[in-house]
Amino acid sequence: LVLNLFAGALGLISASDIVIAESRSKFCFSEAKLGLIPGTIAPFVVKKIGAAQCRRFFLTAEVFDSKVATNIGLVSEQTDNLDESEETLKKQFRQNSPSGMNVSKYLINEVEARIVTGGVSTPLRRFTAELLSKQRGSKDAQDGLKAFLNKSKPSYDKSI
């Protein structure tokens, strides 16, 4: 299976948390070839790979491979076995606390937004400390810490 991801499809993967690509996949921001711009997807792509990489790939409309896509941060991982990589990720997710993962996503988004607007400031450090304190008191965290200390699995661990 070789996937060729061009134009709008790259916006979809730019909005994804984790992207695994088949090693032989090809990518292209092809809009400039058609006299268009990637206007709809640009906010997601610029956030994902940065303005410098967008300048290169939006302006050249060059086709690039999964190694380049991984190097610029568009893709999380390249693999020759998508099924195996998918199963590995699913296994990792099943071992984790749902609330821990959800609050981690919230944390990442908040920290990213606050760094853009104010850098690594005292209010940002206060926010992260308060969020950690709140999460530590959650049912999942209490269950996870207890399981860790007892060398057992927490109740949310759905791994086989």
N, C-alpha and C. Protein backbone atom coordinates (compact mmCIF):
# COMPACT_ATOMS: atom_id res chain seq x y z
N LEU A 1 0.84 -1.18 0.00
CA LEU A 1 0.00 0.00 0.00
C LEU A 1 0.88 1.24 0.00
N VAL A 2 0.71 2.08 -0.98
CA VAL A 2 1.40 3.36 -1.03
C VAL A 2 0.34 4.44 -1.06
N LEU A 3 0.40 5.31 -0.08
CA LEU A 3 -0.56 6.40 -0.03
C LEU A 3 0.08 7.67 -0.55
N ASN A 4 -0.61 8.34 -1.42
CA ASN A 4 -0.17 9.65 -1.89
C ASN A 4 -1.13 10.68 -1.30
N LEU A 5 -0.59 11.54 -0.47
CA LEU A 5 -1.39 12.52 0.24
C LEU A 5 -1.05 13.91 -0.30
N PHE A 6 -2.00 14.52 -0.97
CA PHE A 6 -1.79 15.80 -1.59
C PHE A 6 -2.84 16.78 -1.09
N ALA A 7 -2.50 18.06 -1.12
CA ALA A 7 -3.40 19.19 -0.87
C ALA A 7 -4.19 19.02 0.43
N GLY A 8 -5.51 19.03 0.33
CA GLY A 8 -6.38 19.00 1.51
C GLY A 8 -6.15 17.84 2.45
N ALA A 9 -5.72 16.71 1.93
CA ALA A 9 -5.45 15.56 2.80
C ALA A 9 -4.36 15.89 3.82
N LEU A 10 -3.44 16.77 3.44
CA LEU A 10 -2.38 17.17 4.37
C LEU A 10 -2.93 18.04 5.48
N GLY A 11 -4.02 18.73 5.23
CA GLY A 11 -4.68 19.47 6.30
C GLY A 11 -5.27 18.54 7.34
N LEU A 12 -5.85 17.44 6.87
CA LEU A 12 -6.42 16.47 7.81
C LEU A 12 -5.35 15.86 8.71
N ILE A 13 -4.22 15.49 8.12
CA ILE A 13 -3.19 14.89 8.97
C ILE A 13 -2.51 15.95 9.85
N SER A 14 -2.53 17.21 9.42
CA SER A 14 -1.96 18.27 10.25
C SER A 14 -2.80 18.52 11.50
N ALA A 15 -4.07 18.19 11.42
CA ALA A 15 -4.96 18.36 12.57
C ALA A 15 -4.99 17.13 13.47
N SER A 16 -4.21 16.12 13.14
CA SER A 16 -4.20 14.87 13.90
C SER A 16 -3.10 14.87 14.96
N ASP A 17 -3.38 14.21 16.06
CA ASP A 17 -2.40 14.11 17.15
C ASP A 17 -1.22 13.22 16.77
N ILE A 18 -1.51 12.09 16.16
CA ILE A 18 -0.47 11.13 15.80
C ILE A 18 -0.72 10.68 14.37
N VAL A 19 0.32 10.69 13.56
CA VAL A 19 0.19 10.29 12.15
C VAL A 19 1.26 9.26 11.85
N ILE A 20 0.82 8.10 11.37
CA ILE A 20 1.75 7.05 10.95
C ILE A 20 1.61 6.92 9.43
N ALA A 21 2.74 6.98 8.75
CA ALA A 21 2.73 6.90 7.29
C ALA A 21 3.47 5.65 6.82
N GLU A 22 2.97 5.07 5.77
CA GLU A 22 3.66 3.97 5.11
C GLU A 22 4.94 4.55 4.51
N SER A 23 6.02 3.82 4.63
CA SER A 23 7.34 4.33 4.23
C SER A 23 7.41 4.83 2.79
N ARG A 24 6.62 4.26 1.90
CA ARG A 24 6.67 4.67 0.50
C ARG A 24 5.68 5.76 0.14
N SER A 25 5.01 6.33 1.13
CA SER A 25 4.03 7.39 0.88
C SER A 25 4.69 8.65 0.32
N LYS A 26 3.93 9.38 -0.46
CA LYS A 26 4.38 10.65 -1.03
C LYS A 26 3.41 11.75 -0.59
N PHE A 27 3.94 12.95 -0.43
CA PHE A 27 3.18 14.09 0.07
C PHE A 27 3.43 15.30 -0.83
N CYS A 28 2.43 16.18 -0.92
CA CYS A 28 2.62 17.40 -1.71
C CYS A 28 1.53 18.42 -1.39
N PHE A 29 1.96 19.64 -1.11
CA PHE A 29 1.05 20.77 -1.02
C PHE A 29 0.96 21.30 -2.45
N SER A 30 0.06 20.76 -3.21
CA SER A 30 0.04 20.95 -4.67
C SER A 30 -0.77 22.16 -5.14
N GLU A 31 -1.34 22.92 -4.24
CA GLU A 31 -2.23 24.02 -4.63
C GLU A 31 -1.58 25.01 -5.60
N ALA A 32 -0.30 25.36 -5.37
CA ALA A 32 0.37 26.36 -6.23
C ALA A 32 0.44 25.90 -7.68
N LYS A 33 0.49 24.60 -7.92
CA LYS A 33 0.50 24.08 -9.29
C LYS A 33 -0.78 24.44 -10.03
N LEU A 34 -1.86 24.64 -9.25
CA LEU A 34 -3.17 24.94 -9.83
C LEU A 34 -3.51 26.42 -9.75
N GLY A 35 -2.56 27.23 -9.28
CA GLY A 35 -2.82 28.65 -9.12
C GLY A 35 -3.62 28.95 -7.87
N LEU A 36 -3.68 27.99 -6.96
CA LEU A 36 -4.44 28.16 -5.73
C LEU A 36 -3.49 28.32 -4.54
N ILE A 37 -4.06 28.47 -3.37
CA ILE A 37 -3.29 28.50 -2.13
C ILE A 37 -3.93 27.51 -1.15
N PRO A 38 -3.16 26.99 -0.21
CA PRO A 38 -3.74 26.08 0.79
C PRO A 38 -4.40 26.85 1.93
N GLY A 39 -5.30 27.76 1.58
CA GLY A 39 -5.90 28.67 2.56
C GLY A 39 -6.67 27.97 3.67
N THR A 40 -7.46 26.98 3.32
CA THR A 40 -8.28 26.30 4.32
C THR A 40 -7.44 25.52 5.31
N ILE A 41 -6.39 24.90 4.84
CA ILE A 41 -5.59 24.03 5.71
C ILE A 41 -4.40 24.75 6.35
N ALA A 42 -4.07 25.96 5.86
CA ALA A 42 -2.86 26.66 6.32
C ALA A 42 -2.76 26.81 7.84
N PRO A 43 -3.83 27.18 8.56
CA PRO A 43 -3.67 27.33 10.01
C PRO A 43 -3.21 26.04 10.70
N PHE A 44 -3.72 24.93 10.23
CA PHE A 44 -3.36 23.64 10.83
C PHE A 44 -1.94 23.22 10.45
N VAL A 45 -1.59 23.47 9.20
CA VAL A 45 -0.27 23.06 8.72
C VAL A 45 0.82 23.94 9.32
N VAL A 46 0.60 25.25 9.36
CA VAL A 46 1.61 26.15 9.95
C VAL A 46 1.83 25.79 11.41
N LYS A 47 0.75 25.51 12.13
CA LYS A 47 0.88 25.11 13.53
C LYS A 47 1.67 23.81 13.65
N LYS A 48 1.45 22.88 12.75
CA LYS A 48 2.07 21.56 12.83
C LYS A 48 3.55 21.59 12.44
N ILE A 49 3.88 22.22 11.32
CA ILE A 49 5.27 22.13 10.82
C ILE A 49 6.03 23.46 10.84
N GLY A 50 5.33 24.55 11.15
CA GLY A 50 6.00 25.85 11.23
C GLY A 50 6.02 26.60 9.90
N ALA A 51 6.20 27.91 10.03
CA ALA A 51 6.16 28.80 8.86
C ALA A 51 7.31 28.54 7.89
N ALA A 52 8.50 28.26 8.41
CA ALA A 52 9.66 28.06 7.52
C ALA A 52 9.44 26.88 6.59
N GLN A 53 8.95 25.78 7.11
CA GLN A 53 8.69 24.60 6.27
C GLN A 53 7.54 24.88 5.30
N CYS A 54 6.53 25.61 5.76
CA CYS A 54 5.41 25.95 4.87
C CYS A 54 5.88 26.81 3.70
N ARG A 55 6.80 27.74 3.98
CA ARG A 55 7.32 28.57 2.88
C ARG A 55 7.91 27.68 1.80
N ARG A 56 8.70 26.73 2.21
CA ARG A 56 9.33 25.85 1.22
C ARG A 56 8.28 25.02 0.46
N PHE A 57 7.46 24.29 1.20
CA PHE A 57 6.60 23.32 0.54
C PHE A 57 5.35 23.92 -0.09
N PHE A 58 4.82 25.03 0.45
CA PHE A 58 3.69 25.70 -0.21
C PHE A 58 4.15 26.34 -1.52
N LEU A 59 5.34 26.95 -1.50
CA LEU A 59 5.81 27.69 -2.68
C LEU A 59 6.36 26.79 -3.77
N THR A 60 7.02 25.70 -3.39
CA THR A 60 7.60 24.82 -4.41
C THR A 60 6.61 23.79 -4.93
N ALA A 61 5.61 23.44 -4.13
CA ALA A 61 4.67 22.37 -4.47
C ALA A 61 5.40 21.09 -4.83
N GLU A 62 6.57 20.90 -4.22
CA GLU A 62 7.36 19.69 -4.51
C GLU A 62 6.77 18.47 -3.82
N VAL A 63 6.96 17.32 -4.44
CA VAL A 63 6.55 16.06 -3.85
C VAL A 63 7.68 15.61 -2.93
N PHE A 64 7.32 15.17 -1.71
CA PHE A 64 8.33 14.70 -0.76
C PHE A 64 7.89 13.37 -0.16
N ASP A 65 8.87 12.65 0.37
CA ASP A 65 8.59 11.30 0.88
C ASP A 65 8.31 11.30 2.38
N SER A 66 8.02 10.12 2.92
CA SER A 66 7.66 10.00 4.33
C SER A 66 8.82 10.31 5.27
N LYS A 67 10.04 10.14 4.79
CA LYS A 67 11.20 10.49 5.62
C LYS A 67 11.23 12.00 5.84
N VAL A 68 11.04 12.77 4.79
CA VAL A 68 10.98 14.22 4.90
C VAL A 68 9.78 14.63 5.75
N ALA A 69 8.63 14.00 5.50
CA ALA A 69 7.42 14.31 6.27
C ALA A 69 7.65 14.09 7.76
N THR A 70 8.38 13.05 8.10
CA THR A 70 8.70 12.78 9.50
C THR A 70 9.68 13.82 10.03
N ASN A 71 10.69 14.14 9.25
CA ASN A 71 11.70 15.11 9.69
C ASN A 71 11.12 16.50 9.95
N ILE A 72 10.11 16.91 9.19
CA ILE A 72 9.53 18.24 9.39
C ILE A 72 8.38 18.23 10.40
N GLY A 73 8.02 17.07 10.90
CA GLY A 73 6.99 16.99 11.93
C GLY A 73 5.58 16.81 11.42
N LEU A 74 5.41 16.62 10.12
CA LEU A 74 4.09 16.38 9.56
C LEU A 74 3.60 14.98 9.93
N VAL A 75 4.53 14.04 9.99
CA VAL A 75 4.25 12.65 10.30
C VAL A 75 5.00 12.29 11.59
N SER A 76 4.35 11.51 12.45
CA SER A 76 4.96 11.09 13.72
C SER A 76 5.93 9.93 13.52
N GLU A 77 5.56 9.04 12.60
CA GLU A 77 6.34 7.80 12.42
C GLU A 77 6.12 7.28 11.01
N GLN A 78 7.19 6.74 10.44
CA GLN A 78 7.05 6.05 9.16
C GLN A 78 7.30 4.57 9.41
N THR A 79 6.61 3.72 8.66
CA THR A 79 6.70 2.29 8.90
C THR A 79 6.49 1.51 7.61
N ASP A 80 6.99 0.31 7.61
CA ASP A 80 6.72 -0.62 6.51
C ASP A 80 5.54 -1.52 6.84
N ASN A 81 5.06 -1.46 8.09
CA ASN A 81 3.96 -2.31 8.53
C ASN A 81 2.95 -1.48 9.31
N LEU A 82 1.98 -0.92 8.59
CA LEU A 82 0.97 -0.06 9.23
C LEU A 82 0.15 -0.80 10.28
N ASP A 83 -0.21 -2.04 9.98
CA ASP A 83 -1.03 -2.81 10.92
C ASP A 83 -0.30 -3.01 12.25
N GLU A 84 0.97 -3.35 12.17
CA GLU A 84 1.76 -3.56 13.39
C GLU A 84 1.91 -2.26 14.19
N SER A 85 2.17 -1.17 13.50
CA SER A 85 2.30 0.12 14.17
C SER A 85 0.99 0.54 14.83
N GLU A 86 -0.12 0.29 14.13
CA GLU A 86 -1.43 0.61 14.69
C GLU A 86 -1.69 -0.20 15.95
N GLU A 87 -1.41 -1.49 15.91
CA GLU A 87 -1.62 -2.34 17.09
C GLU A 87 -0.75 -1.92 18.26
N THR A 88 0.49 -1.52 17.98
CA THR A 88 1.38 -1.05 19.04
C THR A 88 0.80 0.19 19.72
N LEU A 89 0.31 1.14 18.92
CA LEU A 89 -0.29 2.35 19.48
C LEU A 89 -1.54 2.03 20.29
N LYS A 90 -2.40 1.18 19.75
CA LYS A 90 -3.62 0.81 20.47
C LYS A 90 -3.28 0.17 21.82
N LYS A 91 -2.26 -0.68 21.83
CA LYS A 91 -1.84 -1.31 23.08
C LYS A 91 -1.40 -0.24 24.08
N GLN A 92 -0.63 0.74 23.61
CA GLN A 92 -0.18 1.82 24.49
C GLN A 92 -1.38 2.60 25.05
N PHE A 93 -2.33 2.95 24.18
CA PHE A 93 -3.50 3.70 24.62
C PHE A 93 -4.31 2.92 25.65
N ARG A 94 -4.48 1.61 25.43
CA ARG A 94 -5.29 0.80 26.35
C ARG A 94 -4.68 0.71 27.74
N GLN A 95 -3.38 0.96 27.87
CA GLN A 95 -2.72 0.89 29.17
C GLN A 95 -2.84 2.20 29.94
N ASN A 96 -3.31 3.25 29.30
CA ASN A 96 -3.29 4.57 29.89
C ASN A 96 -4.63 4.99 30.48
N SER A 97 -4.56 5.90 31.41
CA SER A 97 -5.74 6.49 32.02
C SER A 97 -6.45 7.39 31.02
N PRO A 98 -7.75 7.18 30.79
CA PRO A 98 -8.47 8.08 29.89
C PRO A 98 -8.39 9.54 30.32
N SER A 99 -8.58 9.80 31.60
CA SER A 99 -8.53 11.20 32.04
C SER A 99 -7.11 11.74 31.96
N GLY A 100 -6.13 10.90 32.20
CA GLY A 100 -4.73 11.34 32.07
C GLY A 100 -4.41 11.76 30.64
N MET A 101 -4.90 10.99 29.68
CA MET A 101 -4.68 11.35 28.28
C MET A 101 -5.45 12.61 27.90
N ASN A 102 -6.72 12.71 28.32
CA ASN A 102 -7.53 13.89 27.98
C ASN A 102 -6.95 15.16 28.58
N VAL A 103 -6.56 15.11 29.84
CA VAL A 103 -6.01 16.30 30.47
C VAL A 103 -4.64 16.62 29.89
N SER A 104 -3.88 15.61 29.48
CA SER A 104 -2.59 15.86 28.82
C SER A 104 -2.80 16.62 27.51
N LYS A 105 -3.81 16.24 26.72
CA LYS A 105 -4.10 16.96 25.48
C LYS A 105 -4.48 18.41 25.78
N TYR A 106 -5.30 18.60 26.80
CA TYR A 106 -5.68 19.95 27.21
C TYR A 106 -4.44 20.74 27.62
N LEU A 107 -3.57 20.11 28.39
CA LEU A 107 -2.33 20.74 28.86
C LEU A 107 -1.48 21.19 27.67
N ILE A 108 -1.27 20.30 26.72
CA ILE A 108 -0.45 20.62 25.54
C ILE A 108 -1.02 21.82 24.81
N ASN A 109 -2.33 21.81 24.55
CA ASN A 109 -2.96 22.91 23.82
C ASN A 109 -2.86 24.23 24.58
N GLU A 110 -3.08 24.19 25.87
CA GLU A 110 -3.00 25.40 26.68
C GLU A 110 -1.58 25.94 26.75
N VAL A 111 -0.62 25.06 26.99
CA VAL A 111 0.78 25.50 27.07
C VAL A 111 1.21 26.10 25.74
N GLU A 112 0.88 25.44 24.66
CA GLU A 112 1.24 25.94 23.34
C GLU A 112 0.66 27.34 23.11
N ALA A 113 -0.61 27.51 23.40
CA ALA A 113 -1.27 28.80 23.20
C ALA A 113 -0.67 29.87 24.10
N ARG A 114 -0.37 29.53 25.31
CA ARG A 114 0.16 30.52 26.26
C ARG A 114 1.61 30.88 25.96
N ILE A 115 2.37 29.94 25.43
CA ILE A 115 3.75 30.26 25.05
C ILE A 115 3.75 31.26 23.89
N VAL A 116 2.83 31.05 22.96
CA VAL A 116 2.73 31.96 21.81
C VAL A 116 2.38 33.37 22.28
N THR A 117 1.48 33.48 23.24
CA THR A 117 1.04 34.82 23.67
C THR A 117 1.92 35.45 24.75
N GLY A 118 2.59 34.62 25.57
CA GLY A 118 3.33 35.23 26.67
C GLY A 118 4.64 34.57 27.03
N GLY A 119 5.08 33.61 26.24
CA GLY A 119 6.31 32.91 26.57
C GLY A 119 6.13 32.01 27.78
N VAL A 120 7.23 31.47 28.28
CA VAL A 120 7.18 30.62 29.48
C VAL A 120 7.19 31.55 30.68
N SER A 121 5.99 31.99 31.04
CA SER A 121 5.82 33.01 32.06
C SER A 121 5.44 32.40 33.41
N THR A 122 5.45 33.25 34.43
CA THR A 122 5.02 32.81 35.76
C THR A 122 3.57 32.33 35.73
N PRO A 123 2.65 33.06 35.06
CA PRO A 123 1.28 32.54 34.99
C PRO A 123 1.19 31.17 34.31
N LEU A 124 2.01 30.93 33.30
CA LEU A 124 2.00 29.62 32.64
C LEU A 124 2.49 28.54 33.60
N ARG A 125 3.56 28.81 34.30
CA ARG A 125 4.07 27.82 35.26
C ARG A 125 3.05 27.56 36.37
N ARG A 126 2.34 28.60 36.80
CA ARG A 126 1.29 28.45 37.81
C ARG A 126 0.16 27.58 37.26
N PHE A 127 -0.25 27.86 36.01
CA PHE A 127 -1.32 27.07 35.38
C PHE A 127 -0.95 25.58 35.33
N THR A 128 0.28 25.28 34.88
CA THR A 128 0.66 23.86 34.76
C THR A 128 0.73 23.19 36.13
N ALA A 129 1.20 23.91 37.14
CA ALA A 129 1.26 23.35 38.50
C ALA A 129 -0.14 23.09 39.04
N GLU A 130 -1.06 24.02 38.80
CA GLU A 130 -2.44 23.85 39.27
C GLU A 130 -3.14 22.71 38.55
N LEU A 131 -2.91 22.58 37.26
CA LEU A 131 -3.52 21.49 36.50
C LEU A 131 -2.99 20.15 36.97
N LEU A 132 -1.68 20.07 37.21
CA LEU A 132 -1.09 18.84 37.73
C LEU A 132 -1.68 18.49 39.09
N SER A 133 -1.82 19.46 39.96
CA SER A 133 -2.38 19.23 41.29
C SER A 133 -3.81 18.71 41.18
N LYS A 134 -4.59 19.31 40.29
CA LYS A 134 -5.97 18.87 40.08
C LYS A 134 -6.01 17.43 39.57
N GLN A 135 -5.16 17.12 38.58
CA GLN A 135 -5.16 15.77 38.01
C GLN A 135 -4.69 14.74 39.03
N ARG A 136 -3.73 15.11 39.88
CA ARG A 136 -3.26 14.18 40.92
C ARG A 136 -4.38 13.71 41.82
N GLY A 137 -5.37 14.55 42.01
CA GLY A 137 -6.50 14.19 42.86
C GLY A 137 -7.58 13.40 42.16
N SER A 138 -7.42 13.16 40.87
CA SER A 138 -8.46 12.45 40.13
C SER A 138 -8.48 10.97 40.49
N LYS A 139 -9.62 10.35 40.23
CA LYS A 139 -9.80 8.91 40.49
C LYS A 139 -8.75 8.09 39.72
N ASP A 140 -8.55 8.43 38.45
CA ASP A 140 -7.57 7.69 37.65
C ASP A 140 -6.16 7.81 38.22
N ALA A 141 -5.79 9.01 38.63
CA ALA A 141 -4.44 9.20 39.18
C ALA A 141 -4.28 8.43 40.48
N GLN A 142 -5.28 8.48 41.33
CA GLN A 142 -5.20 7.75 42.60
C GLN A 142 -5.09 6.25 42.33
N ASP A 143 -5.88 5.76 41.40
CA ASP A 143 -5.84 4.35 41.03
C ASP A 143 -4.49 3.98 40.42
N GLY A 144 -3.98 4.84 39.54
CA GLY A 144 -2.70 4.58 38.89
C GLY A 144 -1.54 4.58 39.86
N LEU A 145 -1.51 5.55 40.77
CA LEU A 145 -0.42 5.61 41.76
C LEU A 145 -0.48 4.41 42.72
N LYS A 146 -1.69 4.05 43.13
CA LYS A 146 -1.86 2.88 44.02
C LYS A 146 -1.38 1.61 43.31
N ALA A 147 -1.76 1.46 42.06
CA ALA A 147 -1.33 0.27 41.30
C ALA A 147 0.18 0.26 41.14
N PHE A 148 0.78 1.41 40.88
CA PHE A 148 2.23 1.49 40.74
C PHE A 148 2.92 1.04 42.02
N LEU A 149 2.46 1.55 43.15
CA LEU A 149 3.07 1.20 44.43
C LEU A 149 2.86 -0.27 44.79
N ASN A 150 1.72 -0.83 44.35
CA ASN A 150 1.42 -2.24 44.62
C ASN A 150 1.90 -3.18 43.52
N LYS A 151 2.59 -2.60 42.51
CA LYS A 151 3.09 -3.38 41.38
C LYS A 151 1.97 -4.20 40.72
N SER A 152 0.84 -3.53 40.50
CA SER A 152 -0.31 -4.15 39.83
C SER A 152 -0.77 -3.23 38.71
N LYS A 153 -1.83 -3.65 38.01
CA LYS A 153 -2.37 -2.82 36.93
C LYS A 153 -3.52 -1.98 37.47
N PRO A 154 -3.62 -0.73 37.01
CA PRO A 154 -4.77 0.09 37.41
C PRO A 154 -6.04 -0.39 36.72
N SER A 155 -7.17 -0.02 37.25
CA SER A 155 -8.46 -0.51 36.70
C SER A 155 -8.69 -0.05 35.27
N TYR A 156 -8.12 1.07 34.87
CA TYR A 156 -8.34 1.56 33.50
C TYR A 156 -7.45 0.87 32.47
N ASP A 157 -6.49 0.08 32.90
CA ASP A 157 -5.58 -0.61 31.97
C ASP A 157 -6.34 -1.73 31.28
N LYS A 158 -6.63 -1.54 30.00
CA LYS A 158 -7.40 -2.53 29.22
C LYS A 158 -6.49 -3.38 28.34
N SER A 159 -5.19 -3.37 28.63
CA SER A 159 -4.28 -4.19 27.83
C SER A 159 -4.50 -5.66 28.13
N ILE A 160 -4.11 -6.44 27.18
CA ILE A 160 -4.31 -7.89 27.30
C ILE A 160 -3.18 -8.51 28.07
